[in-house]
Each structure stands twice: as C-alpha cells, then as structure tokens.
PDB file of all heavy atoms in Angstrom:
ATOM      1  N   THR A   1     -29.767   2.897   1.230  1.00  0.00           N
ATOM      2  CA  THR A   1     -28.449   3.149   0.884  1.00  0.00           C
ATOM      3  C   THR A   1     -28.166   4.619   0.674  1.00  0.00           C
ATOM      4  O   THR A   1     -29.101   5.441   0.929  1.00  0.00           O
ATOM      5  CB  THR A   1     -27.937   2.440  -0.419  1.00  0.00           C
ATOM      6  OG1 THR A   1     -26.560   2.656  -0.574  1.00  0.00           O
ATOM      7  CG2 THR A   1     -28.705   2.813  -1.615  1.00  0.00           C
ATOM      8  N   GLY A   2     -27.108   5.096   0.183  1.00  0.00           N
ATOM      9  CA  GLY A   2     -26.809   6.490   0.087  1.00  0.00           C
ATOM     10  C   GLY A   2     -25.651   6.938   0.993  1.00  0.00           C
ATOM     11  O   GLY A   2     -25.338   6.164   1.998  1.00  0.00           O
ATOM     12  N   ALA A   3     -25.114   8.122   0.850  1.00  0.00           N
ATOM     13  CA  ALA A   3     -23.999   8.501   1.646  1.00  0.00           C
ATOM     14  C   ALA A   3     -24.331   8.539   3.152  1.00  0.00           C
ATOM     15  O   ALA A   3     -23.563   8.119   3.918  1.00  0.00           O
ATOM     16  CB  ALA A   3     -23.505   9.891   1.185  1.00  0.00           C
ATOM     17  N   SER A   4     -25.494   9.072   3.439  1.00  0.00           N
ATOM     18  CA  SER A   4     -25.822   9.132   4.930  1.00  0.00           C
ATOM     19  C   SER A   4     -25.971   7.744   5.544  1.00  0.00           C
ATOM     20  O   SER A   4     -25.433   7.514   6.697  1.00  0.00           O
ATOM     21  CB  SER A   4     -27.122   9.950   5.051  1.00  0.00           C
ATOM     22  OG  SER A   4     -26.952  11.299   4.672  1.00  0.00           O
ATOM     23  N   ALA A   5     -26.628   6.884   4.912  1.00  0.00           N
ATOM     24  CA  ALA A   5     -26.793   5.554   5.438  1.00  0.00           C
ATOM     25  C   ALA A   5     -25.443   4.775   5.488  1.00  0.00           C
ATOM     26  O   ALA A   5     -25.202   4.042   6.484  1.00  0.00           O
ATOM     27  CB  ALA A   5     -27.764   4.705   4.499  1.00  0.00           C
ATOM     28  N   ILE A   6     -24.600   5.011   4.542  1.00  0.00           N
ATOM     29  CA  ILE A   6     -23.307   4.329   4.554  1.00  0.00           C
ATOM     30  C   ILE A   6     -22.418   4.802   5.687  1.00  0.00           C
ATOM     31  O   ILE A   6     -21.852   4.009   6.448  1.00  0.00           O
ATOM     32  CB  ILE A   6     -22.571   4.505   3.292  1.00  0.00           C
ATOM     33  CG1 ILE A   6     -23.333   3.739   2.111  1.00  0.00           C
ATOM     34  CG2 ILE A   6     -21.107   4.054   3.319  1.00  0.00           C
ATOM     35  CD1 ILE A   6     -22.810   3.957   0.710  1.00  0.00           C
ATOM     36  N   PHE A   7     -22.444   6.140   5.909  1.00  0.00           N
ATOM     37  CA  PHE A   7     -21.657   6.690   6.988  1.00  0.00           C
ATOM     38  C   PHE A   7     -22.136   6.277   8.370  1.00  0.00           C
ATOM     39  O   PHE A   7     -21.470   6.053   9.327  1.00  0.00           O
ATOM     40  CB  PHE A   7     -21.588   8.208   6.919  1.00  0.00           C
ATOM     41  CG  PHE A   7     -20.516   8.829   6.003  1.00  0.00           C
ATOM     42  CD1 PHE A   7     -20.831   9.194   4.746  1.00  0.00           C
ATOM     43  CD2 PHE A   7     -19.259   8.832   6.410  1.00  0.00           C
ATOM     44  CE1 PHE A   7     -19.827   9.714   3.928  1.00  0.00           C
ATOM     45  CE2 PHE A   7     -18.235   9.322   5.630  1.00  0.00           C
ATOM     46  CZ  PHE A   7     -18.511   9.771   4.372  1.00  0.00           C
ATOM     47  N   TYR A   8     -23.479   6.165   8.479  1.00  0.00           N
ATOM     48  CA  TYR A   8     -24.172   5.668   9.677  1.00  0.00           C
ATOM     49  C   TYR A   8     -23.661   4.208   9.944  1.00  0.00           C
ATOM     50  O   TYR A   8     -23.340   3.920  11.131  1.00  0.00           O
ATOM     51  CB  TYR A   8     -25.717   5.709   9.538  1.00  0.00           C
ATOM     52  CG  TYR A   8     -26.402   5.122  10.788  1.00  0.00           C
ATOM     53  CD1 TYR A   8     -26.596   5.886  11.851  1.00  0.00           C
ATOM     54  CD2 TYR A   8     -26.900   3.800  10.697  1.00  0.00           C
ATOM     55  CE1 TYR A   8     -27.249   5.318  13.016  1.00  0.00           C
ATOM     56  CE2 TYR A   8     -27.516   3.262  11.830  1.00  0.00           C
ATOM     57  CZ  TYR A   8     -27.711   3.978  12.899  1.00  0.00           C
ATOM     58  OH  TYR A   8     -28.379   3.471  13.971  1.00  0.00           O
ATOM     59  N   ASP A   9     -23.646   3.375   8.960  1.00  0.00           N
ATOM     60  CA  ASP A   9     -23.273   1.949   9.168  1.00  0.00           C
ATOM     61  C   ASP A   9     -21.758   1.931   9.577  1.00  0.00           C
ATOM     62  O   ASP A   9     -21.431   1.099  10.399  1.00  0.00           O
ATOM     63  CB  ASP A   9     -23.468   1.121   7.909  1.00  0.00           C
ATOM     64  CG  ASP A   9     -24.961   0.943   7.659  1.00  0.00           C
ATOM     65  OD1 ASP A   9     -25.750   1.047   8.629  1.00  0.00           O
ATOM     66  OD2 ASP A   9     -25.284   0.703   6.501  1.00  0.00           O
ATOM     67  N   MET A  10     -20.924   2.743   8.942  1.00  0.00           N
ATOM     68  CA  MET A  10     -19.603   2.906   9.298  1.00  0.00           C
ATOM     69  C   MET A  10     -19.326   3.232  10.724  1.00  0.00           C
ATOM     70  O   MET A  10     -18.490   2.652  11.452  1.00  0.00           O
ATOM     71  CB  MET A  10     -18.847   3.856   8.385  1.00  0.00           C
ATOM     72  CG  MET A  10     -18.676   3.341   6.873  1.00  0.00           C
ATOM     73  SD  MET A  10     -17.971   4.625   5.825  1.00  0.00           S
ATOM     74  CE  MET A  10     -16.397   4.925   6.636  1.00  0.00           C
ATOM     75  N   GLU A  11     -20.162   4.234  11.264  1.00  0.00           N
ATOM     76  CA  GLU A  11     -20.020   4.613  12.653  1.00  0.00           C
ATOM     77  C   GLU A  11     -20.385   3.463  13.543  1.00  0.00           C
ATOM     78  O   GLU A  11     -19.803   3.200  14.531  1.00  0.00           O
ATOM     79  CB  GLU A  11     -20.872   5.792  12.876  1.00  0.00           C
ATOM     80  CG  GLU A  11     -20.379   7.082  12.249  1.00  0.00           C
ATOM     81  CD  GLU A  11     -21.320   8.307  12.523  1.00  0.00           C
ATOM     82  OE1 GLU A  11     -22.339   8.077  13.172  1.00  0.00           O
ATOM     83  OE2 GLU A  11     -20.959   9.371  12.014  1.00  0.00           O
ATOM     84  N   GLN A  12     -21.479   2.745  13.193  1.00  0.00           N
ATOM     85  CA  GLN A  12     -21.954   1.635  14.067  1.00  0.00           C
ATOM     86  C   GLN A  12     -20.898   0.501  14.112  1.00  0.00           C
ATOM     87  O   GLN A  12     -20.595   0.029  15.152  1.00  0.00           O
ATOM     88  CB  GLN A  12     -23.233   1.059  13.502  1.00  0.00           C
ATOM     89  CG  GLN A  12     -24.399   2.066  13.568  1.00  0.00           C
ATOM     90  CD  GLN A  12     -24.727   2.604  14.846  1.00  0.00           C
ATOM     91  OE1 GLN A  12     -24.836   1.834  15.848  1.00  0.00           O
ATOM     92  NE2 GLN A  12     -24.724   3.877  15.060  1.00  0.00           N
ATOM     93  N   VAL A  13     -20.306   0.150  12.950  1.00  0.00           N
ATOM     94  CA  VAL A  13     -19.273  -0.834  12.941  1.00  0.00           C
ATOM     95  C   VAL A  13     -18.086  -0.465  13.694  1.00  0.00           C
ATOM     96  O   VAL A  13     -17.427  -1.181  14.464  1.00  0.00           O
ATOM     97  CB  VAL A  13     -18.933  -1.160  11.477  1.00  0.00           C
ATOM     98  CG1 VAL A  13     -17.708  -2.173  11.351  1.00  0.00           C
ATOM     99  CG2 VAL A  13     -20.125  -1.830  10.791  1.00  0.00           C
ATOM    100  N   SER A  14     -17.645   0.918  13.609  1.00  0.00           N
ATOM    101  CA  SER A  14     -16.515   1.329  14.280  1.00  0.00           C
ATOM    102  C   SER A  14     -16.677   1.334  15.757  1.00  0.00           C
ATOM    103  O   SER A  14     -15.791   0.931  16.503  1.00  0.00           O
ATOM    104  CB  SER A  14     -16.217   2.813  13.782  1.00  0.00           C
ATOM    105  OG  SER A  14     -15.103   3.345  14.478  1.00  0.00           O
ATOM    106  N   ASP A  15     -17.877   1.716  16.210  1.00  0.00           N
ATOM    107  CA  ASP A  15     -18.174   1.627  17.652  1.00  0.00           C
ATOM    108  C   ASP A  15     -18.120   0.204  18.168  1.00  0.00           C
ATOM    109  O   ASP A  15     -17.574  -0.026  19.279  1.00  0.00           O
ATOM    110  CB  ASP A  15     -19.505   2.272  17.910  1.00  0.00           C
ATOM    111  CG  ASP A  15     -19.547   3.783  17.714  1.00  0.00           C
ATOM    112  OD1 ASP A  15     -18.439   4.325  17.700  1.00  0.00           O
ATOM    113  OD2 ASP A  15     -20.621   4.356  17.648  1.00  0.00           O
ATOM    114  N   ALA A  16     -18.728  -0.687  17.381  1.00  0.00           N
ATOM    115  CA  ALA A  16     -18.703  -2.068  17.829  1.00  0.00           C
ATOM    116  C   ALA A  16     -17.304  -2.646  17.891  1.00  0.00           C
ATOM    117  O   ALA A  16     -16.900  -3.411  18.881  1.00  0.00           O
ATOM    118  CB  ALA A  16     -19.645  -2.907  16.931  1.00  0.00           C
ATOM    119  N   ASP A  17     -16.477  -2.322  16.844  1.00  0.00           N
ATOM    120  CA  ASP A  17     -15.097  -2.807  16.860  1.00  0.00           C
ATOM    121  C   ASP A  17     -14.331  -2.181  18.014  1.00  0.00           C
ATOM    122  O   ASP A  17     -13.454  -2.914  18.620  1.00  0.00           O
ATOM    123  CB  ASP A  17     -14.460  -2.451  15.591  1.00  0.00           C
ATOM    124  CG  ASP A  17     -15.019  -3.235  14.354  1.00  0.00           C
ATOM    125  OD1 ASP A  17     -15.667  -4.375  14.636  1.00  0.00           O
ATOM    126  OD2 ASP A  17     -14.761  -2.896  13.315  1.00  0.00           O
ATOM    127  N   LEU A  18     -14.635  -0.876  18.354  1.00  0.00           N
ATOM    128  CA  LEU A  18     -13.840  -0.310  19.394  1.00  0.00           C
ATOM    129  C   LEU A  18     -14.110  -0.973  20.695  1.00  0.00           C
ATOM    130  O   LEU A  18     -13.289  -1.259  21.547  1.00  0.00           O
ATOM    131  CB  LEU A  18     -14.284   1.172  19.490  1.00  0.00           C
ATOM    132  CG  LEU A  18     -13.520   1.965  20.517  1.00  0.00           C
ATOM    133  CD1 LEU A  18     -11.980   1.921  20.381  1.00  0.00           C
ATOM    134  CD2 LEU A  18     -13.995   3.456  20.530  1.00  0.00           C
ATOM    135  N   ARG A  19     -15.470  -1.284  21.026  1.00  0.00           N
ATOM    136  CA  ARG A  19     -15.821  -1.974  22.233  1.00  0.00           C
ATOM    137  C   ARG A  19     -15.205  -3.354  22.295  1.00  0.00           C
ATOM    138  O   ARG A  19     -14.765  -3.805  23.343  1.00  0.00           O
ATOM    139  CB  ARG A  19     -17.389  -2.060  22.367  1.00  0.00           C
ATOM    140  CG  ARG A  19     -17.980  -0.673  22.645  1.00  0.00           C
ATOM    141  CD  ARG A  19     -19.458  -0.926  22.975  1.00  0.00           C
ATOM    142  NE  ARG A  19     -20.267  -1.405  21.869  1.00  0.00           N
ATOM    143  CZ  ARG A  19     -20.858  -0.666  20.987  1.00  0.00           C
ATOM    144  NH1 ARG A  19     -20.849   0.565  21.124  1.00  0.00           N
ATOM    145  NH2 ARG A  19     -21.627  -1.228  19.957  1.00  0.00           N
ATOM    146  N   HIS A  20     -15.135  -4.036  21.199  1.00  0.00           N
ATOM    147  CA  HIS A  20     -14.569  -5.351  21.098  1.00  0.00           C
ATOM    148  C   HIS A  20     -13.124  -5.326  21.396  1.00  0.00           C
ATOM    149  O   HIS A  20     -12.578  -6.173  22.145  1.00  0.00           O
ATOM    150  CB  HIS A  20     -14.837  -6.020  19.785  1.00  0.00           C
ATOM    151  CG  HIS A  20     -14.357  -7.430  19.659  1.00  0.00           C
ATOM    152  ND1 HIS A  20     -14.915  -8.488  20.262  1.00  0.00           N
ATOM    153  CD2 HIS A  20     -13.388  -7.954  18.909  1.00  0.00           C
ATOM    154  CE1 HIS A  20     -14.253  -9.576  19.988  1.00  0.00           C
ATOM    155  NE2 HIS A  20     -13.267  -9.315  19.188  1.00  0.00           N
ATOM    156  N   MET A  21     -12.439  -4.358  20.878  1.00  0.00           N
ATOM    157  CA  MET A  21     -11.040  -4.080  21.038  1.00  0.00           C
ATOM    158  C   MET A  21     -10.654  -3.813  22.540  1.00  0.00           C
ATOM    159  O   MET A  21      -9.790  -4.307  23.075  1.00  0.00           O
ATOM    160  CB  MET A  21     -10.477  -2.964  20.189  1.00  0.00           C
ATOM    161  CG  MET A  21      -8.973  -2.742  20.370  1.00  0.00           C
ATOM    162  SD  MET A  21      -8.448  -1.236  19.469  1.00  0.00           S
ATOM    163  CE  MET A  21      -9.179   0.032  20.519  1.00  0.00           C
ATOM    164  N   GLU A  22     -11.587  -2.938  23.246  1.00  0.00           N
ATOM    165  CA  GLU A  22     -11.346  -2.675  24.534  1.00  0.00           C
ATOM    166  C   GLU A  22     -11.531  -3.905  25.452  1.00  0.00           C
ATOM    167  O   GLU A  22     -10.731  -4.082  26.444  1.00  0.00           O
ATOM    168  CB  GLU A  22     -12.289  -1.573  25.018  1.00  0.00           C
ATOM    169  CG  GLU A  22     -12.019  -0.195  24.410  1.00  0.00           C
ATOM    170  CD  GLU A  22     -13.053   0.813  24.706  1.00  0.00           C
ATOM    171  OE1 GLU A  22     -14.173   0.335  25.140  1.00  0.00           O
ATOM    172  OE2 GLU A  22     -12.858   1.995  24.422  1.00  0.00           O
ATOM    173  N   ILE A  23     -12.448  -4.772  25.130  1.00  0.00           N
ATOM    174  CA  ILE A  23     -12.670  -5.994  25.915  1.00  0.00           C
ATOM    175  C   ILE A  23     -11.372  -6.884  25.895  1.00  0.00           C
ATOM    176  O   ILE A  23     -11.000  -7.560  26.806  1.00  0.00           O
ATOM    177  CB  ILE A  23     -13.881  -6.742  25.405  1.00  0.00           C
ATOM    178  CG1 ILE A  23     -15.122  -5.960  25.740  1.00  0.00           C
ATOM    179  CG2 ILE A  23     -14.081  -8.102  26.035  1.00  0.00           C
ATOM    180  CD1 ILE A  23     -16.386  -6.537  25.188  1.00  0.00           C
ATOM    181  N   ILE A  24     -10.757  -6.920  24.709  1.00  0.00           N
ATOM    182  CA  ILE A  24      -9.571  -7.737  24.540  1.00  0.00           C
ATOM    183  C   ILE A  24      -8.355  -7.158  25.090  1.00  0.00           C
ATOM    184  O   ILE A  24      -7.483  -7.783  25.838  1.00  0.00           O
ATOM    185  CB  ILE A  24      -9.347  -8.047  23.032  1.00  0.00           C
ATOM    186  CG1 ILE A  24     -10.517  -8.872  22.420  1.00  0.00           C
ATOM    187  CG2 ILE A  24      -8.108  -8.834  22.743  1.00  0.00           C
ATOM    188  CD1 ILE A  24     -10.485  -9.157  20.965  1.00  0.00           C
ATOM    189  N   THR A  25      -8.133  -5.810  24.829  1.00  0.00           N
ATOM    190  CA  THR A  25      -6.885  -5.165  25.222  1.00  0.00           C
ATOM    191  C   THR A  25      -6.791  -4.851  26.679  1.00  0.00           C
ATOM    192  O   THR A  25      -5.651  -4.809  27.262  1.00  0.00           O
ATOM    193  CB  THR A  25      -6.695  -3.914  24.464  1.00  0.00           C
ATOM    194  OG1 THR A  25      -7.791  -3.020  24.611  1.00  0.00           O
ATOM    195  CG2 THR A  25      -6.560  -4.182  22.960  1.00  0.00           C
ATOM    196  N   PHE A  26      -7.939  -4.640  27.331  1.00  0.00           N
ATOM    197  CA  PHE A  26      -7.930  -4.328  28.765  1.00  0.00           C
ATOM    198  C   PHE A  26      -7.211  -5.423  29.691  1.00  0.00           C
ATOM    199  O   PHE A  26      -6.275  -5.080  30.364  1.00  0.00           O
ATOM    200  CB  PHE A  26      -9.293  -4.062  29.346  1.00  0.00           C
ATOM    201  CG  PHE A  26      -9.356  -3.597  30.743  1.00  0.00           C
ATOM    202  CD1 PHE A  26      -9.142  -2.411  31.108  1.00  0.00           C
ATOM    203  CD2 PHE A  26      -9.665  -4.593  31.661  1.00  0.00           C
ATOM    204  CE1 PHE A  26      -9.117  -1.905  32.462  1.00  0.00           C
ATOM    205  CE2 PHE A  26      -9.643  -4.253  33.114  1.00  0.00           C
ATOM    206  CZ  PHE A  26      -9.392  -2.937  33.454  1.00  0.00           C
ATOM    207  N   PRO A  27      -7.568  -6.680  29.600  1.00  0.00           N
ATOM    208  CA  PRO A  27      -6.895  -7.636  30.293  1.00  0.00           C
ATOM    209  C   PRO A  27      -5.435  -7.755  29.895  1.00  0.00           C
ATOM    210  O   PRO A  27      -4.526  -7.975  30.758  1.00  0.00           O
ATOM    211  CB  PRO A  27      -7.616  -8.980  30.032  1.00  0.00           C
ATOM    212  CG  PRO A  27      -9.013  -8.550  29.553  1.00  0.00           C
ATOM    213  CD  PRO A  27      -8.739  -7.244  28.785  1.00  0.00           C
ATOM    214  N   MET A  28      -5.113  -7.682  28.600  1.00  0.00           N
ATOM    215  CA  MET A  28      -3.750  -7.781  28.187  1.00  0.00           C
ATOM    216  C   MET A  28      -2.854  -6.603  28.817  1.00  0.00           C
ATOM    217  O   MET A  28      -1.795  -6.874  29.258  1.00  0.00           O
ATOM    218  CB  MET A  28      -3.628  -7.716  26.637  1.00  0.00           C
ATOM    219  CG  MET A  28      -4.300  -8.944  25.940  1.00  0.00           C
ATOM    220  SD  MET A  28      -4.311  -8.822  24.222  1.00  0.00           S
ATOM    221  CE  MET A  28      -2.528  -8.558  23.851  1.00  0.00           C
ATOM    222  N   ALA A  29      -3.385  -5.391  28.732  1.00  0.00           N
ATOM    223  CA  ALA A  29      -2.672  -4.224  29.359  1.00  0.00           C
ATOM    224  C   ALA A  29      -2.506  -4.462  30.809  1.00  0.00           C
ATOM    225  O   ALA A  29      -1.383  -4.158  31.352  1.00  0.00           O
ATOM    226  CB  ALA A  29      -3.443  -2.967  29.038  1.00  0.00           C
TER     227      ALA A  29
END
C-alpha cells in the first residue's frame, strides 16, 4: 500500500474501464 501503489492501482482500473467503455460505446456510436 502507500501513495505510489494506490495511484498505480487507480491507473490500472482507469485503463481497464476505458477499454470496457470503448467496447460498449463503439457499436452504439
């Protein structure tokens, strides 16, 4: 844990959510 580990996890979750959003929004668009 610690600030560096927390920010790393936030980046990983953000990247995964972004890819998931692109998979959903591309066909809709």
